[in-house]
N, C-alpha and C. Protein backbone atom coordinates (compact mmCIF):
# COMPACT_ATOMS: atom_id res chain seq x y z
N UNK A 1 17.43 11.06 97.35
CA UNK A 1 16.19 11.62 96.83
C UNK A 1 15.03 10.80 97.37
N UNK A 2 13.94 11.48 97.57
CA UNK A 2 12.74 10.87 98.13
C UNK A 2 11.60 10.97 97.11
N UNK A 3 10.90 9.87 96.91
CA UNK A 3 9.73 9.86 96.04
C UNK A 3 8.52 10.26 96.88
N UNK A 4 7.85 11.32 96.48
CA UNK A 4 6.66 11.78 97.20
C UNK A 4 5.37 11.32 96.55
N UNK A 5 5.35 11.31 95.23
CA UNK A 5 4.14 10.92 94.50
C UNK A 5 4.54 9.99 93.36
N UNK A 6 3.76 8.94 93.19
CA UNK A 6 3.92 8.03 92.05
C UNK A 6 2.55 7.91 91.40
N UNK A 7 2.45 8.41 90.17
CA UNK A 7 1.14 8.43 89.52
C UNK A 7 1.27 8.40 88.01
N UNK A 8 0.17 8.14 87.36
CA UNK A 8 0.10 8.18 85.90
C UNK A 8 -0.63 9.44 85.45
N UNK A 9 -1.07 10.27 86.39
CA UNK A 9 -1.85 11.45 86.09
C UNK A 9 -0.94 12.67 85.89
N UNK A 10 -0.82 13.16 84.66
CA UNK A 10 0.07 14.30 84.41
C UNK A 10 -0.44 15.59 85.05
N UNK A 11 -1.73 15.71 85.25
CA UNK A 11 -2.29 16.91 85.88
C UNK A 11 -1.87 16.97 87.36
N UNK A 12 -1.92 15.85 88.04
CA UNK A 12 -1.49 15.79 89.43
C UNK A 12 -0.02 16.17 89.55
N UNK A 13 0.80 15.63 88.67
CA UNK A 13 2.23 15.95 88.71
C UNK A 13 2.50 17.42 88.43
N UNK A 14 1.80 17.98 87.45
CA UNK A 14 1.98 19.38 87.11
C UNK A 14 1.56 20.28 88.27
N UNK A 15 0.44 19.97 88.89
CA UNK A 15 -0.04 20.76 90.02
C UNK A 15 0.93 20.66 91.20
N UNK A 16 1.40 19.46 91.48
CA UNK A 16 2.34 19.26 92.58
C UNK A 16 3.63 20.04 92.33
N UNK A 17 4.13 20.01 91.11
CA UNK A 17 5.34 20.76 90.79
C UNK A 17 5.12 22.26 90.93
N UNK A 18 3.96 22.75 90.54
CA UNK A 18 3.65 24.17 90.68
C UNK A 18 3.62 24.58 92.15
N UNK A 19 3.01 23.75 92.99
CA UNK A 19 2.97 24.04 94.42
C UNK A 19 4.38 24.09 95.01
N UNK A 20 5.19 23.13 94.64
CA UNK A 20 6.56 23.08 95.16
C UNK A 20 7.39 24.25 94.63
N UNK A 21 7.20 24.60 93.39
CA UNK A 21 7.95 25.73 92.82
C UNK A 21 7.60 27.03 93.55
N UNK A 22 6.31 27.23 93.83
CA UNK A 22 5.88 28.42 94.57
C UNK A 22 6.50 28.48 95.96
N UNK A 23 6.76 27.30 96.54
CA UNK A 23 7.40 27.23 97.86
C UNK A 23 8.92 27.22 97.76
N UNK A 24 9.42 27.39 96.54
CA UNK A 24 10.86 27.39 96.27
C UNK A 24 11.54 26.08 96.66
N UNK A 25 10.82 24.99 96.37
CA UNK A 25 11.36 23.64 96.58
C UNK A 25 11.57 23.02 95.20
N UNK A 26 12.79 22.62 94.92
CA UNK A 26 13.09 22.01 93.62
C UNK A 26 12.58 20.57 93.60
N UNK A 27 11.92 20.22 92.50
CA UNK A 27 11.42 18.86 92.34
C UNK A 27 11.89 18.30 91.01
N UNK A 28 11.82 16.99 90.90
CA UNK A 28 12.30 16.29 89.71
C UNK A 28 11.29 15.21 89.32
N UNK A 29 11.07 15.05 88.02
CA UNK A 29 10.20 13.97 87.55
C UNK A 29 11.06 12.84 87.02
N UNK A 30 10.81 11.65 87.52
CA UNK A 30 11.51 10.45 87.07
C UNK A 30 10.55 9.58 86.27
N UNK A 31 11.10 8.80 85.39
CA UNK A 31 10.38 7.80 84.59
C UNK A 31 9.51 8.41 83.50
N UNK A 32 9.74 9.67 83.14
CA UNK A 32 8.97 10.28 82.07
C UNK A 32 9.22 9.56 80.74
N UNK A 33 10.48 9.32 80.43
CA UNK A 33 10.81 8.66 79.16
C UNK A 33 10.43 7.19 79.16
N UNK A 34 10.51 6.55 80.30
CA UNK A 34 10.14 5.13 80.37
C UNK A 34 8.68 4.92 80.06
N UNK A 35 7.82 5.80 80.57
CA UNK A 35 6.40 5.63 80.31
C UNK A 35 6.06 5.91 78.85
N UNK A 36 6.80 6.81 78.21
CA UNK A 36 6.57 7.11 76.80
C UNK A 36 7.05 5.94 75.94
N UNK A 37 8.23 5.40 76.25
CA UNK A 37 8.76 4.28 75.47
C UNK A 37 7.91 3.04 75.61
N UNK A 38 7.32 2.85 76.77
CA UNK A 38 6.47 1.70 77.01
C UNK A 38 5.22 1.76 76.14
N UNK A 39 4.78 2.97 75.81
CA UNK A 39 3.58 3.12 75.00
C UNK A 39 2.30 2.96 75.77
N UNK A 40 2.42 2.85 77.06
CA UNK A 40 1.26 2.65 77.91
C UNK A 40 1.44 3.44 79.19
N UNK A 41 0.39 4.07 79.65
CA UNK A 41 0.51 4.83 80.90
C UNK A 41 0.17 3.97 82.11
N UNK A 42 -0.22 2.74 81.90
CA UNK A 42 -0.60 1.91 83.05
C UNK A 42 0.54 1.04 83.57
N UNK A 43 1.61 0.92 82.83
CA UNK A 43 2.70 0.07 83.26
C UNK A 43 3.73 0.82 84.09
N UNK A 44 4.14 1.98 83.64
CA UNK A 44 5.20 2.74 84.31
C UNK A 44 4.62 4.04 84.85
N UNK A 45 4.57 4.14 86.16
CA UNK A 45 4.09 5.38 86.78
C UNK A 45 5.24 6.36 86.92
N UNK A 46 4.95 7.62 86.76
CA UNK A 46 5.95 8.67 86.90
C UNK A 46 6.10 9.03 88.37
N UNK A 47 7.32 9.44 88.73
CA UNK A 47 7.61 9.74 90.13
C UNK A 47 8.01 11.20 90.30
N UNK A 48 7.46 11.82 91.32
CA UNK A 48 7.84 13.18 91.71
C UNK A 48 8.80 13.05 92.89
N UNK A 49 10.02 13.56 92.69
CA UNK A 49 11.08 13.41 93.67
C UNK A 49 11.54 14.76 94.19
N UNK A 50 12.00 14.78 95.45
CA UNK A 50 12.66 15.95 96.03
C UNK A 50 13.91 15.45 96.76
N UNK A 51 14.83 16.38 97.04
CA UNK A 51 16.02 15.98 97.80
C UNK A 51 15.61 15.72 99.25
N UNK A 52 16.38 14.89 99.90
CA UNK A 52 16.06 14.44 101.27
C UNK A 52 15.78 15.60 102.22
N UNK A 53 16.58 16.66 102.13
CA UNK A 53 16.46 17.77 103.06
C UNK A 53 15.14 18.53 102.91
N UNK A 54 14.48 18.42 101.75
CA UNK A 54 13.23 19.14 101.50
C UNK A 54 11.99 18.30 101.74
N UNK A 55 12.16 17.05 102.15
CA UNK A 55 11.01 16.15 102.24
C UNK A 55 9.91 16.65 103.16
N UNK A 56 10.23 17.03 104.37
CA UNK A 56 9.21 17.43 105.35
C UNK A 56 8.44 18.65 104.85
N UNK A 57 9.17 19.65 104.42
CA UNK A 57 8.51 20.87 103.93
C UNK A 57 7.68 20.59 102.68
N UNK A 58 8.20 19.77 101.79
CA UNK A 58 7.48 19.44 100.55
C UNK A 58 6.18 18.70 100.87
N UNK A 59 6.23 17.77 101.81
CA UNK A 59 5.01 17.05 102.21
C UNK A 59 3.97 18.03 102.77
N UNK A 60 4.42 18.97 103.59
CA UNK A 60 3.50 19.95 104.16
C UNK A 60 2.86 20.80 103.07
N UNK A 61 3.65 21.23 102.11
CA UNK A 61 3.14 22.05 101.01
C UNK A 61 2.12 21.27 100.19
N UNK A 62 2.43 20.04 99.86
CA UNK A 62 1.52 19.23 99.04
C UNK A 62 0.24 18.87 99.80
N UNK A 63 0.35 18.60 101.08
CA UNK A 63 -0.85 18.34 101.88
C UNK A 63 -1.73 19.58 101.96
N UNK A 64 -1.12 20.74 102.18
CA UNK A 64 -1.87 21.99 102.24
C UNK A 64 -2.54 22.30 100.90
N UNK A 65 -1.94 21.84 99.81
CA UNK A 65 -2.49 22.06 98.48
C UNK A 65 -3.55 21.05 98.08
N UNK A 66 -3.88 20.12 98.98
CA UNK A 66 -4.93 19.14 98.70
C UNK A 66 -4.45 17.85 98.07
N UNK A 67 -3.15 17.61 98.07
CA UNK A 67 -2.61 16.39 97.47
C UNK A 67 -2.19 15.35 98.51
N UNK A 68 -2.67 15.47 99.70
CA UNK A 68 -2.30 14.54 100.76
C UNK A 68 -2.59 13.09 100.44
N UNK A 69 -3.69 12.84 99.74
CA UNK A 69 -4.06 11.46 99.38
C UNK A 69 -3.12 10.87 98.33
N UNK A 70 -2.44 11.71 97.59
CA UNK A 70 -1.51 11.25 96.54
C UNK A 70 -0.13 10.90 97.08
N UNK A 71 0.20 11.39 98.27
CA UNK A 71 1.53 11.20 98.81
C UNK A 71 1.82 9.75 99.19
N UNK A 72 3.02 9.32 98.89
CA UNK A 72 3.47 8.01 99.33
C UNK A 72 3.82 8.12 100.81
N UNK A 73 3.36 7.20 101.58
CA UNK A 73 3.63 7.24 103.02
C UNK A 73 5.10 6.96 103.29
N UNK A 74 5.68 7.70 104.24
CA UNK A 74 7.12 7.50 104.55
C UNK A 74 7.39 6.16 105.18
């Protein structure tokens, strides 16, 4: 699995997931429970993950959707 975005912004994650869903790319959110248990959104950032085979297409979709600045560089 590849991490494409690591952020504390739930709106960014929701938008990114919507873009990927429209492109029929399955995505996964990691660290959702860790950030809740921590009680702070500044310590544990949530990660948007895709399977390795979808990385290139997912990056293209997210860049086209205006999230290029949010992407973790490969």
